[in-house]
Structures are given as C-alpha cells and as structure tokens.
Amino acid sequence: MMSPARQNAASDSFSEIATVRIELRHIDPLIWRQVEVPTSITLKVLHDIIQAVMGWFDYHLWEFAVGKQRYGLPMDDDWGTEPCIAAGKARLRDVLKPRKTIIDYTYDFGDGWEHRLTVTDVRAGQPGVSYPRYIGGERNGPPEDCGGIPGFYELLEAIADPTHPDPAHLKEWAGDDAFPIKCAPGHIANRRNAAKARLAKKK
C-alpha cells in the first residue's frame, strides 16, 4: 500500500503544469502548436499529445532527444548509437531544466519530421482546469507519408495549381484538422482525470 507521504507527492504532481511550444522545423511558413501539460506525464504521453495536435496518426517510429540522451520505444538493438531510454519510463519533470528546456522530437525516420519543443513556465495548474489542453497554433501539419518536406511543398503547389486534374482529392489528403487538434488533448485529459480520481480514493 502506498504511504501517505507518497500519495500526497503523487497527487501534488498532477497539479504542476508547463507550457510546451511545438515547432515543426525547416518549414516556411512555420507550423506550430502550444499546449499546457502536466509535468507528471511520461514522455510516451508527451508523444501522444504531439501526435494529436500535429495531426499525425502514429504510423511510424519516433524519438525524443534531450541533450545527448535519447528516449523512445524499447528496441532490441541501438545500432551503435547512445542507448535509448524507454519513453514510458521517463517523466517530463525528470528532464526539465531551470527556466527553459529544449527537447528535440523526430517522427517518421523516413520522411524525417523534426520538431523542436520548448518547455517553459513550470507552475501550479488552475483548479478545475483539465490538462493537457490546447492553447493555440498555426497551419495544418503535413499529411502522413507525403515524402517529407520536399513532398509536402509539392503537395501544396499542386493544391494551388488551378490546372491540376484532382485538387479536391489533394485537399482531402492534406486535411482540415483544426477541430480535431483542439479537441484531442481533452481526451488525454479525461484519462488523467480518471487516474487522479482513483488516486484520491486511495488517500
């Protein structure tokens, strides 16, 4: 049975949040999102949040890097690189630095979507507010398997081309994901609220 001191610490960790700005690198104009997340989440859950707000579908491998340390899915072989820590076993609060933390996140090693996360403003969350929550952002993310940045630019050019034979199909593929992006973090927050309720019952 969890001791009262550990229960209180676990409960308190649910209320600490941070602001995370997510930028898709090497894209012009910039594609970005901003979310508020609990610092108690694992990096695997942070991955889930990024997937949700960027409009990805988690079809491919991914990895975080904080300095030289890598975090991702457990692998049988690290291919001669620095060992990768399982993202489900590392919490965001464990990698935070004072004032600001930079985290690199790569999704789909084929298309090579590189993201830069800037984590700031660690503070107590507002009572009655569910986290994670979407704060803002600009522009749809690229669709899955579009060929990386060159393929994405070609897709945008084709959509803008009035002579293209099937612009409606291309627009559907590119997607209009504003509404799901805003709602998706709420589903993760609902799961966390259920866990918090279970924790409170044990106290």
N, C-alpha and C. Protein backbone atom coordinates (compact mmCIF):
# COMPACT_ATOMS: atom_id res chain seq x y z
N MET A 1 0.85 -1.20 0.00
CA MET A 1 0.00 0.00 0.00
C MET A 1 0.89 1.25 0.00
N MET A 2 0.51 2.27 -0.79
CA MET A 2 1.29 3.49 -0.89
C MET A 2 1.21 4.28 0.41
N SER A 3 2.36 4.77 0.89
CA SER A 3 2.38 5.55 2.13
C SER A 3 1.68 6.89 1.92
N PRO A 4 1.17 7.52 3.02
CA PRO A 4 0.51 8.83 2.88
C PRO A 4 1.41 9.88 2.24
N ALA A 5 2.71 9.87 2.60
CA ALA A 5 3.63 10.86 2.03
C ALA A 5 3.75 10.68 0.52
N ARG A 6 3.88 9.42 0.07
CA ARG A 6 3.99 9.17 -1.37
C ARG A 6 2.68 9.49 -2.07
N GLN A 7 1.54 9.23 -1.43
CA GLN A 7 0.25 9.57 -2.02
C GLN A 7 0.13 11.07 -2.22
N ASN A 8 0.53 11.85 -1.22
CA ASN A 8 0.45 13.30 -1.34
C ASN A 8 1.36 13.81 -2.44
N ALA A 9 2.57 13.25 -2.54
CA ALA A 9 3.50 13.68 -3.59
C ALA A 9 2.94 13.35 -4.97
N ALA A 10 2.35 12.16 -5.10
CA ALA A 10 1.77 11.78 -6.39
C ALA A 10 0.61 12.68 -6.75
N SER A 11 -0.22 13.01 -5.74
CA SER A 11 -1.36 13.88 -6.00
C SER A 11 -0.89 15.28 -6.40
N ASP A 12 0.12 15.80 -5.68
CA ASP A 12 0.64 17.13 -6.00
C ASP A 12 1.21 17.19 -7.40
N SER A 13 1.83 16.08 -7.86
CA SER A 13 2.47 16.09 -9.17
C SER A 13 1.44 16.26 -10.29
N PHE A 14 0.19 15.90 -10.02
CA PHE A 14 -0.84 16.08 -11.04
C PHE A 14 -1.15 17.56 -11.27
N SER A 15 -0.88 18.41 -10.29
CA SER A 15 -1.29 19.80 -10.39
C SER A 15 -0.20 20.71 -10.96
N GLU A 16 1.02 20.22 -11.14
CA GLU A 16 2.08 21.04 -11.72
C GLU A 16 2.04 20.91 -13.23
N ILE A 17 2.06 22.05 -13.92
CA ILE A 17 1.99 22.05 -15.38
C ILE A 17 3.13 22.87 -15.96
N ALA A 18 3.30 22.73 -17.28
CA ALA A 18 4.28 23.52 -18.01
C ALA A 18 3.69 23.87 -19.37
N THR A 19 4.19 24.95 -19.95
CA THR A 19 3.81 25.33 -21.31
C THR A 19 4.81 24.73 -22.29
N VAL A 20 4.29 24.07 -23.31
CA VAL A 20 5.14 23.45 -24.32
C VAL A 20 4.80 24.04 -25.69
N ARG A 21 5.78 24.65 -26.32
CA ARG A 21 5.62 25.13 -27.70
C ARG A 21 6.27 24.11 -28.62
N ILE A 22 5.53 23.64 -29.60
CA ILE A 22 5.98 22.62 -30.54
C ILE A 22 6.11 23.27 -31.91
N GLU A 23 7.31 23.22 -32.48
CA GLU A 23 7.53 23.79 -33.81
C GLU A 23 8.04 22.70 -34.75
N LEU A 24 7.44 22.62 -35.94
CA LEU A 24 7.94 21.73 -36.97
C LEU A 24 9.08 22.44 -37.67
N ARG A 25 10.26 21.85 -37.62
CA ARG A 25 11.47 22.53 -38.10
C ARG A 25 11.60 22.47 -39.62
N HIS A 26 12.35 23.45 -40.13
CA HIS A 26 12.73 23.52 -41.55
C HIS A 26 11.54 23.76 -42.48
N ILE A 27 10.45 24.28 -41.93
CA ILE A 27 9.24 24.58 -42.70
C ILE A 27 9.03 26.09 -42.72
N ASP A 28 8.68 26.62 -43.91
CA ASP A 28 8.39 28.04 -44.04
C ASP A 28 7.14 28.19 -44.91
N PRO A 29 6.06 28.79 -44.38
CA PRO A 29 5.93 29.42 -43.06
C PRO A 29 5.85 28.38 -41.93
N LEU A 30 6.12 28.85 -40.73
CA LEU A 30 6.24 27.99 -39.57
C LEU A 30 4.90 27.32 -39.23
N ILE A 31 4.97 26.04 -38.89
CA ILE A 31 3.83 25.30 -38.36
C ILE A 31 4.12 25.06 -36.87
N TRP A 32 3.21 25.51 -36.00
CA TRP A 32 3.49 25.41 -34.57
C TRP A 32 2.21 25.14 -33.78
N ARG A 33 2.40 24.63 -32.57
CA ARG A 33 1.32 24.42 -31.62
C ARG A 33 1.82 24.81 -30.23
N GLN A 34 0.90 25.18 -29.37
CA GLN A 34 1.24 25.43 -27.97
C GLN A 34 0.22 24.73 -27.08
N VAL A 35 0.73 23.99 -26.10
CA VAL A 35 -0.13 23.23 -25.20
C VAL A 35 0.35 23.43 -23.77
N GLU A 36 -0.54 23.20 -22.84
CA GLU A 36 -0.19 23.14 -21.42
C GLU A 36 -0.32 21.69 -20.98
N VAL A 37 0.71 21.17 -20.34
CA VAL A 37 0.72 19.75 -19.99
C VAL A 37 1.17 19.58 -18.54
N PRO A 38 0.70 18.52 -17.87
CA PRO A 38 1.22 18.21 -16.54
C PRO A 38 2.67 17.75 -16.64
N THR A 39 3.51 18.16 -15.71
CA THR A 39 4.90 17.71 -15.73
C THR A 39 5.03 16.26 -15.29
N SER A 40 3.95 15.68 -14.77
CA SER A 40 3.99 14.29 -14.33
C SER A 40 3.81 13.29 -15.47
N ILE A 41 3.46 13.74 -16.67
CA ILE A 41 3.24 12.80 -17.77
C ILE A 41 4.56 12.16 -18.18
N THR A 42 4.47 10.94 -18.71
CA THR A 42 5.66 10.30 -19.27
C THR A 42 5.94 10.90 -20.64
N LEU A 43 7.15 10.67 -21.13
CA LEU A 43 7.47 11.14 -22.48
C LEU A 43 6.66 10.39 -23.53
N LYS A 44 6.21 9.18 -23.20
CA LYS A 44 5.31 8.47 -24.13
C LYS A 44 4.00 9.22 -24.26
N VAL A 45 3.46 9.74 -23.16
CA VAL A 45 2.23 10.52 -23.23
C VAL A 45 2.49 11.84 -23.94
N LEU A 46 3.66 12.45 -23.73
CA LEU A 46 4.01 13.66 -24.46
C LEU A 46 4.02 13.37 -25.96
N HIS A 47 4.55 12.22 -26.35
CA HIS A 47 4.50 11.79 -27.76
C HIS A 47 3.05 11.73 -28.24
N ASP A 48 2.15 11.15 -27.44
CA ASP A 48 0.75 11.05 -27.83
C ASP A 48 0.14 12.44 -28.04
N ILE A 49 0.51 13.38 -27.18
CA ILE A 49 -0.01 14.75 -27.29
C ILE A 49 0.49 15.40 -28.58
N ILE A 50 1.78 15.25 -28.88
CA ILE A 50 2.34 15.82 -30.10
C ILE A 50 1.64 15.24 -31.32
N GLN A 51 1.46 13.91 -31.32
CA GLN A 51 0.77 13.27 -32.44
C GLN A 51 -0.62 13.88 -32.63
N ALA A 52 -1.33 14.09 -31.52
CA ALA A 52 -2.70 14.59 -31.59
C ALA A 52 -2.74 16.02 -32.15
N VAL A 53 -1.90 16.90 -31.61
CA VAL A 53 -2.03 18.31 -32.00
C VAL A 53 -1.37 18.62 -33.34
N MET A 54 -0.44 17.76 -33.79
CA MET A 54 0.16 17.98 -35.10
C MET A 54 -0.63 17.29 -36.21
N GLY A 55 -1.58 16.43 -35.82
CA GLY A 55 -2.37 15.75 -36.83
C GLY A 55 -1.74 14.48 -37.37
N TRP A 56 -0.71 13.97 -36.69
CA TRP A 56 -0.10 12.70 -37.11
C TRP A 56 -0.97 11.54 -36.62
N PHE A 57 -0.70 10.33 -37.15
CA PHE A 57 -1.50 9.16 -36.80
C PHE A 57 -0.68 8.04 -36.17
N ASP A 58 0.55 8.34 -35.75
CA ASP A 58 1.38 7.38 -35.03
C ASP A 58 1.63 6.11 -35.85
N TYR A 59 1.89 6.29 -37.14
CA TYR A 59 2.16 5.15 -38.03
C TYR A 59 3.63 4.73 -37.99
N HIS A 60 4.51 5.58 -37.50
CA HIS A 60 5.94 5.38 -37.69
C HIS A 60 6.71 5.46 -36.37
N LEU A 61 7.99 5.10 -36.44
CA LEU A 61 8.86 5.21 -35.28
C LEU A 61 9.10 6.67 -34.93
N TRP A 62 9.52 6.90 -33.70
CA TRP A 62 9.74 8.26 -33.21
C TRP A 62 10.76 8.23 -32.09
N GLU A 63 11.23 9.43 -31.74
CA GLU A 63 12.28 9.51 -30.72
C GLU A 63 12.38 10.93 -30.18
N PHE A 64 12.62 11.03 -28.86
CA PHE A 64 12.96 12.30 -28.22
C PHE A 64 14.47 12.35 -28.00
N ALA A 65 15.02 13.55 -27.97
CA ALA A 65 16.41 13.74 -27.57
C ALA A 65 16.48 14.96 -26.67
N VAL A 66 17.07 14.76 -25.49
CA VAL A 66 17.33 15.86 -24.56
C VAL A 66 18.83 15.86 -24.35
N GLY A 67 19.50 16.82 -24.97
CA GLY A 67 20.96 16.77 -24.99
C GLY A 67 21.39 15.55 -25.79
N LYS A 68 22.23 14.72 -25.20
CA LYS A 68 22.69 13.51 -25.88
C LYS A 68 21.86 12.27 -25.53
N GLN A 69 20.94 12.43 -24.60
CA GLN A 69 20.14 11.29 -24.18
C GLN A 69 18.91 11.12 -25.08
N ARG A 70 18.67 9.90 -25.52
CA ARG A 70 17.55 9.58 -26.38
C ARG A 70 16.48 8.82 -25.61
N TYR A 71 15.22 9.08 -25.98
CA TYR A 71 14.07 8.41 -25.37
C TYR A 71 13.14 7.98 -26.50
N GLY A 72 12.64 6.75 -26.40
CA GLY A 72 11.73 6.28 -27.43
C GLY A 72 11.13 4.95 -27.06
N LEU A 73 10.79 4.17 -28.07
CA LEU A 73 10.25 2.84 -27.85
C LEU A 73 11.40 1.88 -27.54
N PRO A 74 11.16 0.90 -26.69
CA PRO A 74 12.22 -0.08 -26.41
C PRO A 74 12.63 -0.80 -27.69
N MET A 75 13.92 -0.88 -27.93
CA MET A 75 14.45 -1.51 -29.14
C MET A 75 15.41 -2.63 -28.76
N ASP A 76 15.47 -3.67 -29.59
CA ASP A 76 16.40 -4.77 -29.33
C ASP A 76 17.84 -4.38 -29.62
N ASP A 77 18.02 -3.40 -30.53
CA ASP A 77 19.37 -3.01 -30.94
C ASP A 77 19.41 -1.51 -31.13
N ASP A 78 20.38 -0.83 -30.53
CA ASP A 78 20.51 0.62 -30.68
C ASP A 78 21.39 1.01 -31.85
N TRP A 79 21.84 0.02 -32.64
CA TRP A 79 22.60 0.27 -33.87
C TRP A 79 23.82 1.15 -33.64
N GLY A 80 24.50 0.91 -32.53
CA GLY A 80 25.76 1.62 -32.27
C GLY A 80 25.61 3.03 -31.77
N THR A 81 24.37 3.49 -31.55
CA THR A 81 24.15 4.84 -31.04
C THR A 81 24.04 4.80 -29.52
N GLU A 82 23.86 5.98 -28.91
CA GLU A 82 23.67 6.03 -27.47
C GLU A 82 22.42 5.23 -27.08
N PRO A 83 22.47 4.49 -25.99
CA PRO A 83 21.29 3.70 -25.58
C PRO A 83 20.06 4.58 -25.43
N CYS A 84 18.93 4.03 -25.83
CA CYS A 84 17.66 4.75 -25.79
C CYS A 84 16.86 4.32 -24.56
N ILE A 85 16.46 5.28 -23.75
CA ILE A 85 15.64 5.00 -22.58
C ILE A 85 14.18 4.90 -23.01
N ALA A 86 13.46 3.92 -22.47
CA ALA A 86 12.05 3.76 -22.80
C ALA A 86 11.27 5.02 -22.39
N ALA A 87 10.57 5.63 -23.35
CA ALA A 87 9.86 6.88 -23.09
C ALA A 87 8.74 6.71 -22.07
N GLY A 88 8.22 5.49 -21.94
CA GLY A 88 7.17 5.24 -20.97
C GLY A 88 7.67 5.19 -19.54
N LYS A 89 8.99 5.18 -19.36
CA LYS A 89 9.56 5.10 -18.02
C LYS A 89 10.20 6.42 -17.57
N ALA A 90 10.14 7.43 -18.41
CA ALA A 90 10.73 8.74 -18.08
C ALA A 90 9.62 9.79 -18.07
N ARG A 91 9.58 10.58 -17.01
CA ARG A 91 8.56 11.63 -16.91
C ARG A 91 9.13 12.98 -17.34
N LEU A 92 8.24 13.83 -17.82
CA LEU A 92 8.67 15.14 -18.29
C LEU A 92 9.42 15.88 -17.19
N ARG A 93 8.93 15.83 -15.96
CA ARG A 93 9.57 16.57 -14.87
C ARG A 93 11.02 16.11 -14.64
N ASP A 94 11.34 14.86 -15.03
CA ASP A 94 12.68 14.33 -14.82
C ASP A 94 13.71 14.91 -15.78
N VAL A 95 13.27 15.49 -16.88
CA VAL A 95 14.22 16.02 -17.88
C VAL A 95 14.23 17.55 -17.92
N LEU A 96 13.40 18.18 -17.07
CA LEU A 96 13.30 19.63 -17.11
C LEU A 96 14.52 20.30 -16.50
N LYS A 97 14.91 21.41 -17.11
CA LYS A 97 15.98 22.26 -16.60
C LYS A 97 15.37 23.55 -16.06
N PRO A 98 16.13 24.32 -15.27
CA PRO A 98 15.59 25.59 -14.77
C PRO A 98 15.21 26.53 -15.92
N ARG A 99 14.08 27.17 -15.79
CA ARG A 99 13.58 28.21 -16.70
C ARG A 99 13.14 27.70 -18.06
N LYS A 100 14.00 27.00 -18.82
CA LYS A 100 13.63 26.58 -20.16
C LYS A 100 14.32 25.27 -20.52
N THR A 101 13.58 24.37 -21.16
CA THR A 101 14.13 23.09 -21.59
C THR A 101 13.84 22.90 -23.07
N ILE A 102 14.86 22.53 -23.82
CA ILE A 102 14.70 22.24 -25.25
C ILE A 102 14.71 20.73 -25.45
N ILE A 103 13.68 20.24 -26.11
CA ILE A 103 13.56 18.81 -26.41
C ILE A 103 13.38 18.65 -27.92
N ASP A 104 14.18 17.81 -28.53
CA ASP A 104 14.01 17.51 -29.95
C ASP A 104 13.19 16.23 -30.09
N TYR A 105 12.30 16.24 -31.07
CA TYR A 105 11.41 15.10 -31.30
C TYR A 105 11.37 14.81 -32.80
N THR A 106 11.72 13.61 -33.18
CA THR A 106 11.68 13.20 -34.58
C THR A 106 10.60 12.15 -34.76
N TYR A 107 9.79 12.35 -35.78
CA TYR A 107 8.73 11.40 -36.12
C TYR A 107 8.90 10.94 -37.56
N ASP A 108 8.83 9.63 -37.79
CA ASP A 108 8.95 9.02 -39.11
C ASP A 108 10.36 9.25 -39.65
N PHE A 109 11.24 8.29 -39.38
CA PHE A 109 12.64 8.44 -39.79
C PHE A 109 12.81 8.43 -41.30
N GLY A 110 11.78 8.01 -42.04
CA GLY A 110 11.83 8.08 -43.50
C GLY A 110 11.59 9.50 -43.99
N ASP A 111 10.41 10.05 -43.65
CA ASP A 111 10.10 11.43 -44.04
C ASP A 111 10.89 12.43 -43.20
N GLY A 112 11.28 12.02 -41.99
CA GLY A 112 12.17 12.85 -41.18
C GLY A 112 11.56 14.14 -40.67
N TRP A 113 10.41 14.04 -40.00
CA TRP A 113 9.78 15.25 -39.46
C TRP A 113 10.43 15.60 -38.12
N GLU A 114 11.18 16.68 -38.10
CA GLU A 114 11.89 17.12 -36.91
C GLU A 114 11.12 18.24 -36.22
N HIS A 115 10.90 18.07 -34.93
CA HIS A 115 10.18 19.05 -34.13
C HIS A 115 11.10 19.57 -33.03
N ARG A 116 10.92 20.83 -32.69
CA ARG A 116 11.63 21.42 -31.56
C ARG A 116 10.61 21.81 -30.50
N LEU A 117 10.75 21.25 -29.31
CA LEU A 117 9.85 21.56 -28.19
C LEU A 117 10.58 22.49 -27.23
N THR A 118 9.93 23.58 -26.86
CA THR A 118 10.45 24.49 -25.86
C THR A 118 9.51 24.47 -24.67
N VAL A 119 10.02 24.00 -23.53
CA VAL A 119 9.21 23.83 -22.33
C VAL A 119 9.55 24.95 -21.35
N THR A 120 8.55 25.72 -20.96
CA THR A 120 8.77 26.86 -20.07
C THR A 120 7.63 26.96 -19.05
N ASP A 121 7.79 27.90 -18.14
CA ASP A 121 6.73 28.34 -17.23
C ASP A 121 6.14 27.18 -16.43
N VAL A 122 6.99 26.47 -15.71
CA VAL A 122 6.51 25.41 -14.82
C VAL A 122 5.83 26.07 -13.63
N ARG A 123 4.61 25.63 -13.34
CA ARG A 123 3.81 26.31 -12.32
C ARG A 123 2.67 25.40 -11.87
N ALA A 124 1.94 25.86 -10.88
CA ALA A 124 0.76 25.12 -10.45
C ALA A 124 -0.37 25.34 -11.45
N GLY A 125 -1.10 24.28 -11.76
CA GLY A 125 -2.22 24.39 -12.67
C GLY A 125 -3.39 25.10 -12.01
N GLN A 126 -4.32 25.57 -12.83
CA GLN A 126 -5.51 26.24 -12.31
C GLN A 126 -6.50 25.20 -11.79
N PRO A 127 -7.04 25.40 -10.62
CA PRO A 127 -8.05 24.47 -10.09
C PRO A 127 -9.24 24.36 -11.04
N GLY A 128 -9.68 23.14 -11.25
CA GLY A 128 -10.85 22.92 -12.09
C GLY A 128 -10.56 22.86 -13.58
N VAL A 129 -9.30 23.08 -13.98
CA VAL A 129 -8.93 23.02 -15.41
C VAL A 129 -8.31 21.65 -15.70
N SER A 130 -8.74 21.03 -16.79
CA SER A 130 -8.21 19.73 -17.18
C SER A 130 -7.01 19.90 -18.09
N TYR A 131 -5.96 19.17 -17.80
CA TYR A 131 -4.74 19.20 -18.61
C TYR A 131 -4.42 17.79 -19.08
N PRO A 132 -3.80 17.66 -20.27
CA PRO A 132 -3.28 18.70 -21.15
C PRO A 132 -4.41 19.45 -21.86
N ARG A 133 -4.09 20.67 -22.29
CA ARG A 133 -5.06 21.42 -23.07
C ARG A 133 -4.34 22.20 -24.17
N TYR A 134 -5.06 22.38 -25.27
CA TYR A 134 -4.56 23.07 -26.45
C TYR A 134 -4.71 24.57 -26.24
N ILE A 135 -3.63 25.32 -26.51
CA ILE A 135 -3.66 26.77 -26.33
C ILE A 135 -3.75 27.49 -27.67
N GLY A 136 -2.99 27.05 -28.66
CA GLY A 136 -3.03 27.72 -29.95
C GLY A 136 -2.06 27.09 -30.93
N GLY A 137 -2.10 27.61 -32.15
CA GLY A 137 -1.20 27.12 -33.18
C GLY A 137 -1.57 27.71 -34.53
N GLU A 138 -0.75 27.42 -35.52
CA GLU A 138 -0.99 27.93 -36.87
C GLU A 138 -0.64 26.88 -37.90
N ARG A 139 -1.51 26.73 -38.87
CA ARG A 139 -1.33 25.93 -40.08
C ARG A 139 -1.43 24.43 -39.83
N ASN A 140 -2.07 23.76 -40.78
CA ASN A 140 -2.17 22.31 -40.72
C ASN A 140 -0.81 21.67 -40.84
N GLY A 141 -0.62 20.57 -40.13
CA GLY A 141 0.59 19.80 -40.30
C GLY A 141 0.56 19.02 -41.61
N PRO A 142 1.70 18.58 -42.09
CA PRO A 142 1.73 17.78 -43.31
C PRO A 142 1.02 16.46 -43.12
N PRO A 143 0.43 15.91 -44.17
CA PRO A 143 -0.19 14.58 -44.05
C PRO A 143 0.86 13.49 -43.95
N GLU A 144 0.45 12.35 -43.43
CA GLU A 144 1.35 11.20 -43.33
C GLU A 144 1.86 10.78 -44.72
N ASP A 145 3.12 10.35 -44.74
CA ASP A 145 3.70 9.70 -45.93
C ASP A 145 3.63 10.56 -47.18
N CYS A 146 3.83 11.87 -47.02
CA CYS A 146 3.78 12.75 -48.20
C CYS A 146 5.17 12.98 -48.79
N GLY A 147 6.19 12.34 -48.21
CA GLY A 147 7.52 12.46 -48.80
C GLY A 147 8.40 13.51 -48.13
N GLY A 148 8.14 13.78 -46.85
CA GLY A 148 8.97 14.76 -46.16
C GLY A 148 8.70 16.17 -46.63
N ILE A 149 9.61 17.08 -46.30
CA ILE A 149 9.40 18.49 -46.64
C ILE A 149 9.30 18.71 -48.14
N PRO A 150 10.18 18.10 -48.99
CA PRO A 150 10.03 18.30 -50.44
C PRO A 150 8.66 17.84 -50.95
N GLY A 151 8.21 16.68 -50.48
CA GLY A 151 6.90 16.17 -50.90
C GLY A 151 5.76 17.06 -50.44
N PHE A 152 5.89 17.60 -49.23
CA PHE A 152 4.85 18.49 -48.70
C PHE A 152 4.77 19.76 -49.53
N TYR A 153 5.91 20.34 -49.88
CA TYR A 153 5.90 21.53 -50.72
C TYR A 153 5.27 21.24 -52.09
N GLU A 154 5.59 20.08 -52.65
CA GLU A 154 4.99 19.71 -53.94
C GLU A 154 3.47 19.56 -53.82
N LEU A 155 3.02 18.99 -52.69
CA LEU A 155 1.59 18.86 -52.47
C LEU A 155 0.92 20.22 -52.40
N LEU A 156 1.52 21.16 -51.68
CA LEU A 156 0.94 22.50 -51.57
C LEU A 156 0.89 23.19 -52.92
N GLU A 157 1.94 23.00 -53.72
CA GLU A 157 1.95 23.60 -55.07
C GLU A 157 0.86 23.01 -55.95
N ALA A 158 0.66 21.69 -55.82
CA ALA A 158 -0.38 21.04 -56.63
C ALA A 158 -1.77 21.52 -56.23
N ILE A 159 -1.99 21.70 -54.90
CA ILE A 159 -3.29 22.18 -54.43
C ILE A 159 -3.56 23.58 -54.97
N ALA A 160 -2.52 24.39 -55.04
CA ALA A 160 -2.68 25.78 -55.50
C ALA A 160 -2.76 25.89 -57.02
N ASP A 161 -2.49 24.79 -57.73
CA ASP A 161 -2.46 24.81 -59.20
C ASP A 161 -3.88 24.65 -59.75
N PRO A 162 -4.45 25.68 -60.38
CA PRO A 162 -5.84 25.57 -60.89
C PRO A 162 -5.97 24.57 -62.03
N THR A 163 -4.86 24.16 -62.64
CA THR A 163 -4.92 23.21 -63.75
C THR A 163 -4.79 21.76 -63.29
N HIS A 164 -4.59 21.54 -61.98
CA HIS A 164 -4.43 20.16 -61.51
C HIS A 164 -5.73 19.39 -61.71
N PRO A 165 -5.66 18.13 -62.17
CA PRO A 165 -6.88 17.38 -62.50
C PRO A 165 -7.74 16.99 -61.31
N ASP A 166 -7.17 16.91 -60.10
CA ASP A 166 -7.96 16.45 -58.95
C ASP A 166 -7.59 17.22 -57.68
N PRO A 167 -7.83 18.52 -57.65
CA PRO A 167 -7.45 19.31 -56.46
C PRO A 167 -8.26 18.93 -55.22
N ALA A 168 -9.51 18.47 -55.41
CA ALA A 168 -10.35 18.12 -54.26
C ALA A 168 -9.75 16.93 -53.50
N HIS A 169 -9.23 15.95 -54.25
CA HIS A 169 -8.60 14.80 -53.61
C HIS A 169 -7.37 15.22 -52.82
N LEU A 170 -6.58 16.12 -53.39
CA LEU A 170 -5.37 16.58 -52.70
C LEU A 170 -5.72 17.35 -51.43
N LYS A 171 -6.75 18.18 -51.50
CA LYS A 171 -7.17 18.94 -50.32
C LYS A 171 -7.67 18.01 -49.23
N GLU A 172 -8.38 16.95 -49.63
CA GLU A 172 -8.86 15.98 -48.64
C GLU A 172 -7.69 15.27 -47.97
N TRP A 173 -6.66 14.94 -48.76
CA TRP A 173 -5.48 14.28 -48.23
C TRP A 173 -4.74 15.21 -47.27
N ALA A 174 -4.60 16.48 -47.67
CA ALA A 174 -3.90 17.46 -46.82
C ALA A 174 -4.67 17.69 -45.52
N GLY A 175 -6.00 17.61 -45.60
CA GLY A 175 -6.81 17.66 -44.39
C GLY A 175 -7.10 19.07 -43.89
N ASP A 176 -8.15 19.16 -43.10
CA ASP A 176 -8.51 20.38 -42.38
C ASP A 176 -8.71 19.96 -40.94
N ASP A 177 -7.60 19.96 -40.19
CA ASP A 177 -7.59 19.30 -38.89
C ASP A 177 -7.76 20.21 -37.69
N ALA A 178 -8.21 21.43 -37.90
CA ALA A 178 -8.25 22.39 -36.79
C ALA A 178 -9.13 21.90 -35.65
N PHE A 179 -10.34 21.40 -35.94
CA PHE A 179 -11.25 21.00 -34.86
C PHE A 179 -10.73 19.78 -34.10
N PRO A 180 -10.33 18.68 -34.78
CA PRO A 180 -9.80 17.54 -34.01
C PRO A 180 -8.57 17.89 -33.19
N ILE A 181 -7.71 18.74 -33.71
CA ILE A 181 -6.50 19.12 -32.99
C ILE A 181 -6.85 19.79 -31.66
N LYS A 182 -7.84 20.67 -31.68
CA LYS A 182 -8.23 21.38 -30.46
C LYS A 182 -8.87 20.44 -29.45
N CYS A 183 -9.56 19.42 -29.94
CA CYS A 183 -10.29 18.51 -29.04
C CYS A 183 -9.43 17.37 -28.52
N ALA A 184 -8.43 16.95 -29.31
CA ALA A 184 -7.68 15.73 -28.97
C ALA A 184 -7.03 15.76 -27.59
N PRO A 185 -6.38 16.86 -27.16
CA PRO A 185 -5.79 16.84 -25.82
C PRO A 185 -6.82 16.61 -24.71
N GLY A 186 -8.07 16.98 -24.96
CA GLY A 186 -9.10 16.77 -23.96
C GLY A 186 -9.34 15.30 -23.67
N HIS A 187 -9.20 14.45 -24.70
CA HIS A 187 -9.38 13.01 -24.48
C HIS A 187 -8.29 12.47 -23.55
N ILE A 188 -7.06 12.96 -23.73
CA ILE A 188 -5.97 12.55 -22.86
C ILE A 188 -6.21 13.09 -21.45
N ALA A 189 -6.71 14.31 -21.35
CA ALA A 189 -7.01 14.90 -20.04
C ALA A 189 -8.07 14.09 -19.31
N ASN A 190 -9.06 13.59 -20.05
CA ASN A 190 -10.12 12.79 -19.41
C ASN A 190 -9.55 11.52 -18.78
N ARG A 191 -8.60 10.89 -19.48
CA ARG A 191 -7.97 9.69 -18.92
C ARG A 191 -7.20 10.03 -17.65
N ARG A 192 -6.52 11.18 -17.66
CA ARG A 192 -5.75 11.60 -16.48
C ARG A 192 -6.67 11.93 -15.31
N ASN A 193 -7.82 12.54 -15.60
CA ASN A 193 -8.76 12.87 -14.54
C ASN A 193 -9.28 11.60 -13.86
N ALA A 194 -9.49 10.56 -14.66
CA ALA A 194 -9.94 9.29 -14.09
C ALA A 194 -8.86 8.71 -13.18
N ALA A 195 -7.59 8.81 -13.61
CA ALA A 195 -6.49 8.32 -12.78
C ALA A 195 -6.36 9.14 -11.50
N LYS A 196 -6.56 10.46 -11.60
CA LYS A 196 -6.48 11.31 -10.42
C LYS A 196 -7.58 10.96 -9.43
N ALA A 197 -8.77 10.65 -9.95
CA ALA A 197 -9.87 10.27 -9.07
C ALA A 197 -9.56 8.97 -8.33
N ARG A 198 -8.95 8.02 -9.04
CA ARG A 198 -8.59 6.76 -8.39
C ARG A 198 -7.55 7.00 -7.30
N LEU A 199 -6.59 7.90 -7.57
CA LEU A 199 -5.56 8.22 -6.60
C LEU A 199 -6.17 8.85 -5.35
N ALA A 200 -7.15 9.73 -5.55
CA ALA A 200 -7.79 10.41 -4.42
C ALA A 200 -8.53 9.41 -3.53
N LYS A 201 -9.12 8.38 -4.13
CA LYS A 201 -9.86 7.39 -3.36
C LYS A 201 -8.96 6.57 -2.45
N LYS A 202 -7.69 6.44 -2.86
CA LYS A 202 -6.75 5.63 -2.07
C LYS A 202 -6.22 6.39 -0.85
N LYS A 203 -6.39 7.70 -0.86
CA LYS A 203 -5.80 8.51 0.23
C LYS A 203 -6.57 8.29 1.54
